[in-house]
Protein backbone atom coordinates (compact mmCIF):
# COMPACT_ATOMS: atom_id res chain seq x y z
CA UNK A 1 128.77 118.98 64.44
CA UNK A 2 126.84 116.97 62.26
CA UNK A 3 122.99 117.77 63.79
CA UNK A 4 122.61 113.80 63.90
CA UNK A 5 125.95 113.43 66.34
CA UNK A 6 124.43 115.77 68.77
CA UNK A 7 121.18 114.24 68.68
CA UNK A 8 122.95 110.66 69.36
CA UNK A 9 124.87 112.56 72.04
CA UNK A 10 121.99 113.84 73.89
CA UNK A 11 120.15 110.32 73.64
CA UNK A 12 123.32 108.76 75.36
CA UNK A 13 123.14 111.03 78.16
CA UNK A 14 120.02 110.44 78.72
CA UNK A 15 120.73 106.72 78.89
CA UNK A 16 123.19 107.11 81.18
CA UNK A 17 121.44 109.70 83.63
CA UNK A 18 118.70 107.10 83.59
CA UNK A 19 121.05 104.14 84.86
CA UNK A 20 121.28 104.45 88.38
CA UNK A 21 117.46 104.44 88.58
CA UNK A 22 117.51 101.36 86.60
CA UNK A 23 119.54 99.85 88.79
CA UNK A 24 117.63 100.92 91.56
CA UNK A 25 114.56 99.48 90.53
CA UNK A 26 115.63 96.32 88.92
CA UNK A 27 113.58 93.44 89.78
CA UNK A 28 111.31 95.31 92.01
CA UNK A 29 107.60 95.52 91.79
CA UNK A 30 105.70 98.89 90.55
CA UNK A 31 101.73 99.30 90.24
CA UNK A 32 100.31 101.54 87.74
CA UNK A 33 97.00 102.89 88.09
CA UNK A 34 96.28 103.80 84.25
CA UNK A 35 93.21 105.92 83.93
CA UNK A 36 91.45 109.57 82.87
CA UNK A 37 92.62 111.40 80.03
CA UNK A 38 95.55 109.13 79.25
CA UNK A 39 93.27 106.03 78.24
CA UNK A 40 91.18 108.44 76.10
CA UNK A 41 93.84 110.64 74.03
CA UNK A 42 95.64 108.03 71.35
CA UNK A 43 98.74 109.88 71.90
CA UNK A 44 98.80 109.81 75.58
CA UNK A 45 97.79 106.32 75.29
CA UNK A 46 100.67 105.65 73.61
CA UNK A 47 102.93 106.95 75.30
CA UNK A 48 102.03 105.31 78.37
CA UNK A 49 102.35 101.85 76.41
CA UNK A 50 105.97 102.41 75.55
CA UNK A 51 106.81 104.03 79.32
CA UNK A 52 105.34 100.63 80.81
CA UNK A 53 107.08 98.28 78.27
CA UNK A 54 110.46 99.79 78.71
CA UNK A 55 109.97 99.84 82.60
CA UNK A 56 109.33 96.02 81.51
CA UNK A 57 112.19 95.77 79.50
CA UNK A 58 114.75 97.18 81.69
CA UNK A 59 113.91 94.57 84.59
CA UNK A 60 111.22 96.33 86.44
CA UNK A 61 108.23 93.74 87.68
CA UNK A 62 105.64 96.37 86.21
CA UNK A 63 101.47 95.68 86.88
CA UNK A 64 99.08 98.00 85.19
CA UNK A 65 95.50 98.40 86.78
CA UNK A 66 93.55 99.90 84.66
CA UNK A 67 89.60 101.88 84.73
CA UNK A 68 87.23 102.80 82.71
CA UNK A 69 84.66 105.50 83.73
CA UNK A 70 84.30 107.47 80.68
CA UNK A 71 84.18 103.94 77.85
CA UNK A 72 81.44 102.79 81.01
CA UNK A 73 79.45 106.15 80.70
CA UNK A 74 79.54 105.94 76.88
CA UNK A 75 78.22 102.38 76.84
CA UNK A 76 75.69 102.72 79.16
CA UNK A 77 74.51 105.86 77.30
CA UNK A 78 74.37 103.86 74.22
CA UNK A 79 71.79 101.46 76.09
CA UNK A 80 69.55 104.16 77.14
CA UNK A 81 70.92 103.78 80.64
CA UNK A 82 71.61 106.66 83.14
CA UNK A 83 75.05 107.20 85.00
CA UNK A 84 74.32 107.62 88.83
CA UNK A 85 76.79 108.14 91.35
CA UNK A 86 76.72 107.72 95.22
CA UNK A 87 79.66 109.63 97.15
CA UNK A 88 81.66 109.47 94.10
CA UNK A 89 81.28 105.93 93.91
CA UNK A 90 78.81 104.26 90.69
CA UNK A 91 75.59 102.40 91.29
CA UNK A 92 76.15 99.52 90.02
CA UNK A 93 72.89 97.66 89.59
CA UNK A 94 72.85 93.87 87.81
CA UNK A 95 72.26 95.45 84.14
CA UNK A 96 75.15 98.20 84.69
CA UNK A 97 77.20 95.30 85.99
CA UNK A 98 77.11 93.48 83.03
CA UNK A 99 78.22 96.61 80.87
CA UNK A 100 81.44 97.22 83.50
CA UNK A 101 82.62 93.62 82.84
CA UNK A 102 81.77 94.20 78.95
CA UNK A 103 83.58 97.12 79.07
CA UNK A 104 86.66 97.13 81.56
CA UNK A 105 87.40 92.79 81.39
CA UNK A 106 86.50 92.90 77.74
CA UNK A 107 87.38 95.95 75.75
CA UNK A 108 89.64 98.02 77.55
CA UNK A 109 91.75 95.36 78.99
CA UNK A 110 92.43 93.60 75.70
CA UNK A 111 92.41 96.71 73.73
CA UNK A 112 95.56 97.36 76.56
CA UNK A 113 97.28 94.12 76.58
CA UNK A 114 97.11 93.91 72.62
CA UNK A 115 98.71 97.60 72.41
CA UNK A 116 101.25 96.18 74.68
CA UNK A 117 102.11 93.18 72.67
CA UNK A 118 101.96 95.29 69.01
CA UNK A 119 104.43 97.48 70.26
CA UNK A 120 107.45 94.86 71.24
CA UNK A 121 106.12 94.18 74.94
CA UNK A 122 104.72 90.82 76.14
CA UNK A 123 101.15 91.28 78.10
CA UNK A 124 98.07 89.03 79.40
CA UNK A 125 94.71 91.05 80.48
CA UNK A 126 93.48 89.92 83.69
CA UNK A 127 90.30 90.76 85.70
CA UNK A 128 90.32 90.44 89.34
CA UNK A 129 87.93 87.69 88.86
CA UNK A 130 91.05 85.47 87.25
CA UNK A 131 92.63 83.31 89.60
CA UNK A 132 90.05 84.76 92.70
CA UNK A 133 92.80 87.32 92.55
CA UNK A 134 90.38 89.77 94.19
CA UNK A 135 87.91 89.02 96.52
CA UNK A 136 85.19 91.41 97.88
CA UNK A 137 81.89 92.04 99.91
CA UNK A 138 79.29 94.87 99.40
CA UNK A 139 79.98 98.06 100.57
CA UNK A 140 76.94 99.88 102.90
CA UNK A 141 74.88 96.53 102.36
CA UNK A 142 73.30 97.30 98.61
CA UNK A 143 72.99 101.27 98.71
CA UNK A 144 75.74 100.92 95.86
CA UNK A 145 74.35 98.03 94.30
CA UNK A 146 77.10 95.44 93.33
CA UNK A 147 80.14 97.81 94.13
CA UNK A 148 82.64 96.00 96.48
CA UNK A 149 85.42 96.54 98.99
CA UNK A 150 88.54 94.24 98.73
CA UNK A 151 88.83 91.72 101.54
CA UNK A 152 91.43 89.53 100.27
CA UNK A 153 94.10 89.50 97.49
CA UNK A 154 95.54 86.33 96.05
CA UNK A 155 98.87 87.53 93.94
CA UNK A 156 99.69 83.94 93.13
CA UNK A 157 98.35 84.44 89.68
CA UNK A 158 100.48 88.22 89.20
CA UNK A 159 103.55 86.61 90.25
CA UNK A 160 103.27 83.53 87.86
CA UNK A 161 102.71 86.17 84.94
CA UNK A 162 105.33 88.51 86.28
CA UNK A 163 108.26 85.65 87.03
CA UNK A 164 107.56 85.26 83.13
CA UNK A 165 108.73 88.65 82.32
CA UNK A 166 105.02 89.59 80.90
CA UNK A 167 103.14 92.28 82.05
CA UNK A 168 100.00 91.83 83.86
CA UNK A 169 96.98 94.17 82.85
CA UNK A 170 94.36 93.95 85.33
CA UNK A 171 90.82 95.36 85.16
CA UNK A 172 89.35 96.29 88.75
CA UNK A 173 86.45 93.87 88.81
CA UNK A 174 86.30 91.23 91.90
CA UNK A 175 84.80 88.00 92.96
CA UNK A 176 82.03 88.67 95.40
CA UNK A 177 81.93 86.78 98.84
CA UNK A 178 79.32 86.41 101.31
CA UNK A 179 75.86 87.08 99.79
CA UNK A 180 77.19 87.88 96.70
CA UNK A 181 79.21 84.49 96.33
CA UNK A 182 80.60 83.98 92.83
CA UNK A 183 79.08 87.37 91.81
CA UNK A 184 81.31 89.80 89.99
CA UNK A 185 81.33 93.29 92.15
CA UNK A 186 82.65 96.63 90.84
CA UNK A 187 85.55 97.69 92.53
CA UNK A 188 87.11 101.35 92.27
CA UNK A 189 90.50 100.98 90.47
CA UNK A 190 92.76 103.44 92.56
CA UNK A 191 91.86 101.31 95.67
CA UNK A 192 92.38 98.12 93.78
CA UNK A 193 95.61 99.34 92.71
CA UNK A 194 96.40 100.39 96.05
CA UNK A 195 95.37 96.90 97.96
CA UNK A 196 97.48 94.95 94.79
CA UNK A 197 100.57 96.83 95.46
CA UNK A 198 100.29 96.42 99.14
CA UNK A 199 100.04 92.37 98.28
CA UNK A 200 103.04 92.32 96.32
CA UNK A 201 104.79 94.38 98.39
CA UNK A 202 105.91 96.56 95.86
CA UNK A 203 108.65 99.40 95.51
CA UNK A 204 105.99 101.92 94.52
CA UNK A 205 102.34 102.69 93.71
CA UNK A 206 101.85 105.00 91.12
CA UNK A 207 98.38 106.90 90.35
CA UNK A 208 97.83 108.62 87.28
CA UNK A 209 95.39 111.33 87.25
CA UNK A 210 94.28 114.37 85.28
CA UNK A 211 95.61 116.80 87.65
CA UNK A 212 99.37 118.06 88.64
CA UNK A 213 99.53 116.34 91.80
CA UNK A 214 98.37 117.74 95.27
CA UNK A 215 97.77 121.78 95.02
CA UNK A 216 98.03 124.19 97.70
CA UNK A 217 96.13 125.83 95.66
CA UNK A 218 93.63 124.29 93.16
CA UNK A 219 93.79 127.95 91.50
CA UNK A 220 97.24 128.07 91.63
CA UNK A 221 99.52 125.63 89.10
CA UNK A 222 102.68 126.35 90.39
CA UNK A 223 101.71 125.50 93.94
CA UNK A 224 102.15 121.64 93.33
CA UNK A 225 103.49 119.88 96.43
CA UNK A 226 106.02 117.82 95.91
CA UNK A 227 106.31 115.11 98.67
CA UNK A 228 104.56 114.84 101.77
CA UNK A 229 104.61 112.12 104.46
CA UNK A 230 101.60 110.86 105.64
CA UNK A 231 101.27 113.13 108.91
CA UNK A 232 101.34 116.24 106.50
CA UNK A 233 98.51 114.29 104.03
CA UNK A 234 96.47 114.53 107.22
CA UNK A 235 97.02 117.95 107.85
CA UNK A 236 96.43 118.81 104.62
CA UNK A 237 92.91 117.32 105.01
CA UNK A 238 92.04 119.29 108.08
CA UNK A 239 93.11 122.45 106.60
CA UNK A 240 91.16 122.14 103.43
CA UNK A 241 94.22 121.83 101.08
CA UNK A 242 92.94 118.44 99.42
CA UNK A 243 90.27 118.98 97.44
CA UNK A 244 87.06 115.90 97.65
CA UNK A 245 88.01 114.68 94.16
CA UNK A 246 92.17 114.21 95.96
CA UNK A 247 90.80 112.99 99.15
CA UNK A 248 90.24 109.70 97.81
CA UNK A 249 93.29 109.25 96.06
CA UNK A 250 95.40 110.24 98.89
CA UNK A 251 93.28 107.80 100.87
CA UNK A 252 94.40 105.35 98.81
CA UNK A 253 98.20 106.06 98.66
CA UNK A 254 97.72 105.97 102.70
CA UNK A 255 96.10 102.47 101.99
CA UNK A 256 99.54 101.18 100.05
CA UNK A 257 101.48 102.50 102.85
CA UNK A 258 99.57 100.81 105.33
CA UNK A 259 100.70 97.47 103.13
CA UNK A 260 104.27 98.16 103.40
CA UNK A 261 104.69 100.20 99.76
CA UNK A 262 107.41 102.38 100.49
CA UNK A 263 106.43 105.50 97.94
CA UNK A 264 103.34 106.51 96.54
CA UNK A 265 103.21 109.02 93.63
CA UNK A 266 99.97 111.29 91.95
CA UNK A 267 101.44 112.25 88.71
CA UNK A 268 99.86 114.15 86.06
CA UNK A 269 98.70 111.17 83.11
CA UNK A 270 98.32 114.37 80.60
CA UNK A 271 101.74 114.82 80.28
CA UNK A 272 103.23 112.32 77.80
CA UNK A 273 106.10 109.90 79.13
CA UNK A 274 105.04 110.98 82.73
CA UNK A 275 105.76 107.25 84.35
CA UNK A 276 109.72 108.08 82.59
CA UNK A 277 109.75 111.46 84.27
CA UNK A 278 108.52 110.31 87.53
CA UNK A 279 110.75 107.10 87.64
CA UNK A 280 113.88 108.04 85.69
CA UNK A 281 114.76 111.81 86.59
CA UNK A 282 115.90 113.57 89.96
CA UNK A 283 112.76 116.51 89.16
CA UNK A 284 110.07 114.07 88.77
CA UNK A 285 106.59 115.19 88.83
CA UNK A 286 103.53 114.97 90.74
CA UNK A 287 103.59 114.43 94.35
CA UNK A 288 105.28 111.96 96.30
CA UNK A 289 104.00 110.39 99.42
CA UNK A 290 106.06 108.52 102.09
CA UNK A 291 105.33 107.18 105.07
CA UNK A 292 108.30 109.33 106.88
CA UNK A 293 107.23 111.38 110.43
């Protein structure tokens, strides 16, 4: 049989297999936090862009929230400024905040929106400051500098964009309140994605990471925990199953569930088309977290 016919048949089978998932998620909101190696590797970057465009084209209200830690580190290094972290969060003085805004809200945000547009999608780049989408107060006074925790999410601008069939691309910078009224504050991108997902009543929050998901043993790649409930996550914390880097991501998933998001996923962004595999196949990848007892 002609190889082209076989290939076409295989493609048709894939589309038919995806149909129930497309119907299930049609007109539902899915918030994706994009970061890590998937933002650095050109191949992975293009795969994510294609996935996001496809999700939007089949009627999924898709919001892309991004970080940019490595790019910020690189720019700070160029300016001769040392990156400093306190409890895993970047210490952000005024000079660092200027660089964070320049890199996140400027170069990275517009590059992602441009890639979506140039590959057949429609996107608009936003920061948490636009339309006062994200408001925040300082964490722990000024121990971390201009680093904030979100106190308010205004989804009106997001809904306007989504209702127009356009993909919002959101950088994790918020508008300060209180003593930092009107100032830009640096926000953890995972937390921003969780808060936005909750405010939108999203079907899913998907955190793209540089690991497979939650592993029972970080030395054993085949020990992936494919699904977990909130109670099981608490148990894994006590047992030491959750490593230091995974604890804040698990906490963000719980934060989203607390806000009414139905499911949260921690997936491996190093795998091309990880989003489509998670959403449109029975097997999925990574770890799915639910609120079920």
